[in-house]
Amino acid sequence: MTTVITRYFEDAAQCRAVQSELLYSRGFPARIVTVFDSPDGLVGALTAAEVKAATADTYQAKMAKGGAVLLVRAGYRPLGAAKTTRLLAASMGGAALDNVVEQVVVKDKLEPIPKVLAGGP
């Protein structure tokens, strides 16, 4: 299972600082951490990442005034990624939004494993 966590930041620079902390200090892989700093196409991108539509709409309305949205797909690696993301976002200025679902648990999508040998079994 993967926990999709989103947080809105009123200051885009603060959101980028959280992204940097997660990637470079906490060792998160870049493929699981995304920052959205433009409201253009935000709803489509967030709903494609399995964020609730009402949450995506709220973020888009907030971002019309500026800011950025952090999205982290916290799986089982690195261990404790979801908790680390929640604590770090809260301590570094993530805005608390009432009546917004900022965390969703989704089933992992299994990707086929490529064969090592082209003509192998």
N, C-alpha and C. Protein backbone atom coordinates (compact mmCIF):
# COMPACT_ATOMS: atom_id res chain seq x y z
N MET A 1 0.84 -1.18 0.00
CA MET A 1 0.00 0.00 0.00
C MET A 1 0.88 1.25 0.00
N THR A 2 0.38 2.26 -0.67
CA THR A 2 1.09 3.53 -0.75
C THR A 2 0.20 4.62 -0.16
N THR A 3 0.79 5.48 0.64
CA THR A 3 0.08 6.61 1.21
C THR A 3 0.42 7.85 0.39
N VAL A 4 -0.58 8.44 -0.22
CA VAL A 4 -0.39 9.66 -1.00
C VAL A 4 -0.69 10.83 -0.07
N ILE A 5 0.35 11.63 0.20
CA ILE A 5 0.23 12.74 1.13
C ILE A 5 0.39 14.05 0.36
N THR A 6 -0.52 14.99 0.59
CA THR A 6 -0.42 16.31 -0.02
C THR A 6 -0.46 17.37 1.07
N ARG A 7 0.27 18.44 0.84
CA ARG A 7 0.25 19.58 1.75
C ARG A 7 0.36 20.86 0.95
N TYR A 8 -0.40 21.88 1.36
CA TYR A 8 -0.34 23.19 0.73
C TYR A 8 0.58 24.09 1.54
N PHE A 9 1.42 24.85 0.83
CA PHE A 9 2.31 25.83 1.46
C PHE A 9 2.00 27.18 0.85
N GLU A 10 1.82 28.19 1.69
CA GLU A 10 1.53 29.54 1.20
C GLU A 10 2.75 30.14 0.50
N ASP A 11 3.94 29.67 0.86
CA ASP A 11 5.18 30.15 0.26
C ASP A 11 5.81 29.01 -0.54
N ALA A 12 5.94 29.20 -1.86
CA ALA A 12 6.51 28.16 -2.72
C ALA A 12 7.95 27.83 -2.34
N ALA A 13 8.70 28.82 -1.87
CA ALA A 13 10.08 28.58 -1.47
C ALA A 13 10.14 27.63 -0.27
N GLN A 14 9.18 27.75 0.62
CA GLN A 14 9.12 26.86 1.78
C GLN A 14 8.81 25.43 1.34
N CYS A 15 7.93 25.29 0.36
CA CYS A 15 7.59 23.98 -0.17
C CYS A 15 8.83 23.35 -0.82
N ARG A 16 9.58 24.13 -1.56
CA ARG A 16 10.81 23.63 -2.18
C ARG A 16 11.84 23.24 -1.12
N ALA A 17 11.85 23.96 0.00
CA ALA A 17 12.77 23.62 1.09
C ALA A 17 12.41 22.26 1.69
N VAL A 18 11.12 21.99 1.82
CA VAL A 18 10.68 20.68 2.31
C VAL A 18 11.06 19.60 1.32
N GLN A 19 10.86 19.85 0.04
CA GLN A 19 11.25 18.90 -0.99
C GLN A 19 12.76 18.60 -0.91
N SER A 20 13.54 19.64 -0.78
CA SER A 20 14.99 19.48 -0.68
C SER A 20 15.39 18.68 0.55
N GLU A 21 14.75 18.95 1.67
CA GLU A 21 15.03 18.21 2.91
C GLU A 21 14.70 16.73 2.74
N LEU A 22 13.56 16.44 2.14
CA LEU A 22 13.17 15.05 1.93
C LEU A 22 14.14 14.32 1.00
N LEU A 23 14.54 14.99 -0.08
CA LEU A 23 15.40 14.35 -1.06
C LEU A 23 16.85 14.21 -0.60
N TYR A 24 17.41 15.29 -0.09
CA TYR A 24 18.85 15.31 0.16
C TYR A 24 19.25 14.97 1.60
N SER A 25 18.40 15.27 2.55
CA SER A 25 18.74 14.95 3.94
C SER A 25 18.11 13.65 4.42
N ARG A 26 16.91 13.36 3.93
CA ARG A 26 16.20 12.16 4.38
C ARG A 26 16.32 11.00 3.41
N GLY A 27 16.88 11.21 2.23
CA GLY A 27 17.13 10.13 1.29
C GLY A 27 15.93 9.60 0.53
N PHE A 28 14.88 10.42 0.39
CA PHE A 28 13.72 9.99 -0.38
C PHE A 28 14.09 9.94 -1.86
N PRO A 29 13.59 8.95 -2.61
CA PRO A 29 13.84 8.95 -4.05
C PRO A 29 13.04 10.08 -4.73
N ALA A 30 13.64 10.68 -5.75
CA ALA A 30 13.01 11.81 -6.43
C ALA A 30 11.67 11.44 -7.07
N ARG A 31 11.49 10.18 -7.43
CA ARG A 31 10.26 9.77 -8.11
C ARG A 31 9.02 9.81 -7.21
N ILE A 32 9.21 9.89 -5.88
CA ILE A 32 8.05 9.90 -5.00
C ILE A 32 7.71 11.28 -4.46
N VAL A 33 8.53 12.29 -4.74
CA VAL A 33 8.31 13.65 -4.22
C VAL A 33 8.09 14.61 -5.39
N THR A 34 6.95 15.29 -5.38
CA THR A 34 6.62 16.23 -6.46
C THR A 34 6.12 17.54 -5.85
N VAL A 35 6.54 18.64 -6.46
CA VAL A 35 6.05 19.96 -6.05
C VAL A 35 5.30 20.57 -7.24
N PHE A 36 4.11 21.08 -6.96
CA PHE A 36 3.31 21.78 -7.96
C PHE A 36 3.28 23.25 -7.55
N ASP A 37 3.83 24.13 -8.39
CA ASP A 37 3.86 25.54 -8.05
C ASP A 37 3.07 26.42 -9.02
N SER A 38 2.24 25.77 -9.83
CA SER A 38 1.36 26.49 -10.75
C SER A 38 -0.04 25.86 -10.70
N PRO A 39 -1.08 26.69 -10.67
CA PRO A 39 -2.43 26.12 -10.63
C PRO A 39 -2.87 25.54 -11.97
N ASP A 40 -2.13 25.82 -13.04
CA ASP A 40 -2.48 25.31 -14.36
C ASP A 40 -2.33 23.79 -14.41
N GLY A 41 -3.42 23.10 -14.68
CA GLY A 41 -3.39 21.64 -14.77
C GLY A 41 -3.25 20.93 -13.45
N LEU A 42 -3.38 21.66 -12.36
CA LEU A 42 -3.17 21.07 -11.03
C LEU A 42 -4.20 20.01 -10.70
N VAL A 43 -5.47 20.29 -10.96
CA VAL A 43 -6.53 19.33 -10.62
C VAL A 43 -6.33 18.02 -11.36
N GLY A 44 -6.03 18.09 -12.64
CA GLY A 44 -5.80 16.88 -13.42
C GLY A 44 -4.61 16.09 -12.92
N ALA A 45 -3.51 16.79 -12.61
CA ALA A 45 -2.30 16.10 -12.13
C ALA A 45 -2.53 15.45 -10.77
N LEU A 46 -3.22 16.14 -9.89
CA LEU A 46 -3.46 15.57 -8.55
C LEU A 46 -4.44 14.41 -8.60
N THR A 47 -5.51 14.54 -9.37
CA THR A 47 -6.46 13.43 -9.44
C THR A 47 -5.84 12.22 -10.13
N ALA A 48 -4.93 12.45 -11.07
CA ALA A 48 -4.21 11.34 -11.70
C ALA A 48 -3.32 10.62 -10.68
N ALA A 49 -2.88 11.37 -9.65
CA ALA A 49 -2.08 10.78 -8.58
C ALA A 49 -2.96 10.22 -7.47
N GLU A 50 -4.26 10.13 -7.72
CA GLU A 50 -5.26 9.54 -6.82
C GLU A 50 -5.60 10.39 -5.60
N VAL A 51 -5.41 11.71 -5.74
CA VAL A 51 -5.86 12.64 -4.71
C VAL A 51 -7.34 12.89 -4.95
N LYS A 52 -8.10 13.05 -3.88
CA LYS A 52 -9.54 13.31 -4.00
C LYS A 52 -9.80 14.58 -4.80
N ALA A 53 -10.83 14.56 -5.63
CA ALA A 53 -11.14 15.70 -6.50
C ALA A 53 -11.45 16.96 -5.70
N ALA A 54 -12.15 16.83 -4.59
CA ALA A 54 -12.47 18.00 -3.76
C ALA A 54 -11.21 18.61 -3.17
N THR A 55 -10.26 17.78 -2.81
CA THR A 55 -8.98 18.26 -2.29
C THR A 55 -8.22 19.00 -3.38
N ALA A 56 -8.19 18.44 -4.57
CA ALA A 56 -7.50 19.08 -5.69
C ALA A 56 -8.12 20.44 -6.02
N ASP A 57 -9.45 20.52 -5.98
CA ASP A 57 -10.14 21.79 -6.24
C ASP A 57 -9.79 22.84 -5.19
N THR A 58 -9.71 22.42 -3.94
CA THR A 58 -9.35 23.32 -2.85
C THR A 58 -7.93 23.85 -3.05
N TYR A 59 -7.01 22.97 -3.40
CA TYR A 59 -5.63 23.39 -3.63
C TYR A 59 -5.54 24.38 -4.79
N GLN A 60 -6.29 24.13 -5.86
CA GLN A 60 -6.25 25.03 -7.01
C GLN A 60 -6.77 26.41 -6.62
N ALA A 61 -7.83 26.47 -5.84
CA ALA A 61 -8.36 27.75 -5.39
C ALA A 61 -7.35 28.48 -4.51
N LYS A 62 -6.67 27.76 -3.63
CA LYS A 62 -5.65 28.36 -2.77
C LYS A 62 -4.48 28.88 -3.59
N MET A 63 -4.07 28.10 -4.60
CA MET A 63 -2.90 28.47 -5.40
C MET A 63 -3.16 29.63 -6.34
N ALA A 64 -4.41 30.02 -6.52
CA ALA A 64 -4.71 31.20 -7.32
C ALA A 64 -4.09 32.44 -6.67
N LYS A 65 -3.87 32.38 -5.37
CA LYS A 65 -3.27 33.48 -4.61
C LYS A 65 -1.77 33.26 -4.39
N GLY A 66 -1.23 32.16 -4.93
CA GLY A 66 0.19 31.86 -4.75
C GLY A 66 0.38 30.60 -3.92
N GLY A 67 1.63 30.23 -3.74
CA GLY A 67 1.93 29.05 -2.94
C GLY A 67 2.27 27.85 -3.80
N ALA A 68 2.34 26.70 -3.15
CA ALA A 68 2.70 25.46 -3.84
C ALA A 68 2.12 24.28 -3.09
N VAL A 69 2.02 23.15 -3.79
CA VAL A 69 1.51 21.91 -3.19
C VAL A 69 2.60 20.85 -3.28
N LEU A 70 2.84 20.19 -2.15
CA LEU A 70 3.78 19.07 -2.07
C LEU A 70 2.99 17.78 -2.15
N LEU A 71 3.45 16.84 -2.98
CA LEU A 71 2.83 15.53 -3.06
C LEU A 71 3.92 14.48 -2.85
N VAL A 72 3.68 13.57 -1.91
CA VAL A 72 4.63 12.48 -1.64
C VAL A 72 3.87 11.17 -1.72
N ARG A 73 4.39 10.24 -2.52
CA ARG A 73 3.83 8.88 -2.61
C ARG A 73 4.68 8.00 -1.69
N ALA A 74 4.28 7.90 -0.44
CA ALA A 74 5.05 7.20 0.58
C ALA A 74 4.67 5.73 0.64
N GLY A 75 5.55 4.89 0.12
CA GLY A 75 5.36 3.45 0.17
C GLY A 75 6.10 2.87 1.36
N TYR A 76 6.62 1.69 1.18
CA TYR A 76 7.33 1.05 2.29
C TYR A 76 8.82 1.42 2.32
N ARG A 77 9.31 2.07 1.28
CA ARG A 77 10.69 2.54 1.27
C ARG A 77 10.71 4.02 0.95
N PRO A 78 11.42 4.85 1.66
CA PRO A 78 12.14 4.56 2.89
C PRO A 78 11.17 4.32 4.06
N LEU A 79 11.61 3.53 4.98
CA LEU A 79 10.80 3.17 6.14
C LEU A 79 10.37 4.43 6.90
N GLY A 80 9.10 4.55 7.18
CA GLY A 80 8.58 5.70 7.91
C GLY A 80 8.40 6.95 7.06
N ALA A 81 8.33 6.80 5.75
CA ALA A 81 8.24 7.95 4.84
C ALA A 81 6.99 8.79 5.10
N ALA A 82 5.88 8.15 5.35
CA ALA A 82 4.63 8.90 5.57
C ALA A 82 4.73 9.75 6.84
N LYS A 83 5.19 9.16 7.91
CA LYS A 83 5.31 9.89 9.18
C LYS A 83 6.32 11.03 9.05
N THR A 84 7.46 10.74 8.41
CA THR A 84 8.48 11.77 8.21
C THR A 84 7.92 12.93 7.41
N THR A 85 7.19 12.64 6.36
CA THR A 85 6.60 13.69 5.52
C THR A 85 5.62 14.54 6.31
N ARG A 86 4.73 13.89 7.05
CA ARG A 86 3.74 14.64 7.83
C ARG A 86 4.41 15.56 8.85
N LEU A 87 5.37 15.03 9.60
CA LEU A 87 6.04 15.82 10.64
C LEU A 87 6.85 16.97 10.04
N LEU A 88 7.58 16.68 8.97
CA LEU A 88 8.41 17.71 8.35
C LEU A 88 7.56 18.82 7.73
N ALA A 89 6.49 18.44 7.04
CA ALA A 89 5.61 19.44 6.43
C ALA A 89 4.98 20.33 7.51
N ALA A 90 4.57 19.74 8.61
CA ALA A 90 3.97 20.53 9.69
C ALA A 90 4.99 21.47 10.33
N SER A 91 6.21 21.00 10.50
CA SER A 91 7.23 21.82 11.17
C SER A 91 7.80 22.90 10.27
N MET A 92 7.63 22.74 8.95
CA MET A 92 8.23 23.71 8.01
C MET A 92 7.19 24.56 7.29
N GLY A 93 6.00 24.69 7.86
CA GLY A 93 5.05 25.67 7.35
C GLY A 93 3.92 25.16 6.49
N GLY A 94 3.67 23.86 6.48
CA GLY A 94 2.52 23.34 5.74
C GLY A 94 1.24 23.89 6.35
N ALA A 95 0.38 24.46 5.52
CA ALA A 95 -0.85 25.07 6.01
C ALA A 95 -1.87 24.00 6.39
N ALA A 96 -2.51 24.18 7.52
CA ALA A 96 -3.57 23.26 7.96
C ALA A 96 -4.87 23.69 7.30
N LEU A 97 -5.43 22.82 6.48
CA LEU A 97 -6.67 23.13 5.78
C LEU A 97 -7.79 22.28 6.36
N ASP A 98 -8.85 22.92 6.81
CA ASP A 98 -9.97 22.20 7.39
C ASP A 98 -10.80 21.53 6.29
N ASN A 99 -11.38 20.40 6.61
CA ASN A 99 -12.28 19.67 5.72
C ASN A 99 -11.63 19.27 4.39
N VAL A 100 -10.32 19.04 4.41
CA VAL A 100 -9.60 18.61 3.22
C VAL A 100 -8.90 17.29 3.53
N VAL A 101 -9.11 16.29 2.68
CA VAL A 101 -8.46 14.99 2.86
C VAL A 101 -7.06 15.11 2.27
N GLU A 102 -6.04 15.19 3.14
CA GLU A 102 -4.67 15.40 2.68
C GLU A 102 -3.86 14.11 2.65
N GLN A 103 -4.50 13.00 2.91
CA GLN A 103 -3.80 11.72 2.91
C GLN A 103 -4.75 10.63 2.43
N VAL A 104 -4.29 9.85 1.44
CA VAL A 104 -5.10 8.78 0.88
C VAL A 104 -4.23 7.54 0.77
N VAL A 105 -4.76 6.40 1.17
CA VAL A 105 -4.03 5.14 1.02
C VAL A 105 -4.55 4.45 -0.23
N VAL A 106 -3.62 4.11 -1.13
CA VAL A 106 -3.98 3.47 -2.40
C VAL A 106 -3.22 2.16 -2.55
N LYS A 107 -3.80 1.27 -3.33
CA LYS A 107 -3.16 -0.01 -3.59
C LYS A 107 -2.01 0.19 -4.58
N ASP A 108 -0.89 -0.48 -4.32
CA ASP A 108 0.26 -0.38 -5.22
C ASP A 108 -0.06 -1.00 -6.56
N LYS A 109 0.48 -0.38 -7.61
CA LYS A 109 0.34 -0.92 -8.95
C LYS A 109 1.57 -1.75 -9.24
N LEU A 110 1.37 -3.02 -9.53
CA LEU A 110 2.49 -3.89 -9.83
C LEU A 110 2.94 -3.69 -11.26
N GLU A 111 4.24 -3.52 -11.42
CA GLU A 111 4.81 -3.37 -12.75
C GLU A 111 5.47 -4.68 -13.14
N PRO A 112 5.36 -5.06 -14.40
CA PRO A 112 5.97 -6.32 -14.82
C PRO A 112 7.50 -6.25 -14.70
N ILE A 113 8.08 -7.36 -14.31
CA ILE A 113 9.53 -7.44 -14.17
C ILE A 113 10.12 -7.83 -15.52
N PRO A 114 11.06 -7.03 -16.02
CA PRO A 114 11.63 -7.36 -17.34
C PRO A 114 12.50 -8.60 -17.25
N LYS A 115 12.52 -9.34 -18.34
CA LYS A 115 13.36 -10.53 -18.40
C LYS A 115 14.81 -10.10 -18.56
N VAL A 116 15.71 -10.84 -17.92
CA VAL A 116 17.13 -10.50 -18.00
C VAL A 116 17.68 -10.88 -19.38
N LEU A 117 17.32 -12.02 -19.85
CA LEU A 117 17.80 -12.47 -21.14
C LEU A 117 16.69 -12.34 -22.17
N ALA A 118 17.04 -11.77 -23.33
CA ALA A 118 16.02 -11.55 -24.34
C ALA A 118 15.39 -12.85 -24.84
N GLY A 119 16.20 -13.87 -25.00
CA GLY A 119 15.66 -15.14 -25.49
C GLY A 119 15.47 -16.17 -24.39
N GLY A 120 15.56 -15.72 -23.14
CA GLY A 120 15.48 -16.65 -22.00
C GLY A 120 14.06 -17.06 -21.68
N PRO A 121 13.91 -17.88 -20.66
CA PRO A 121 12.59 -18.41 -20.28
C PRO A 121 11.66 -17.38 -19.71
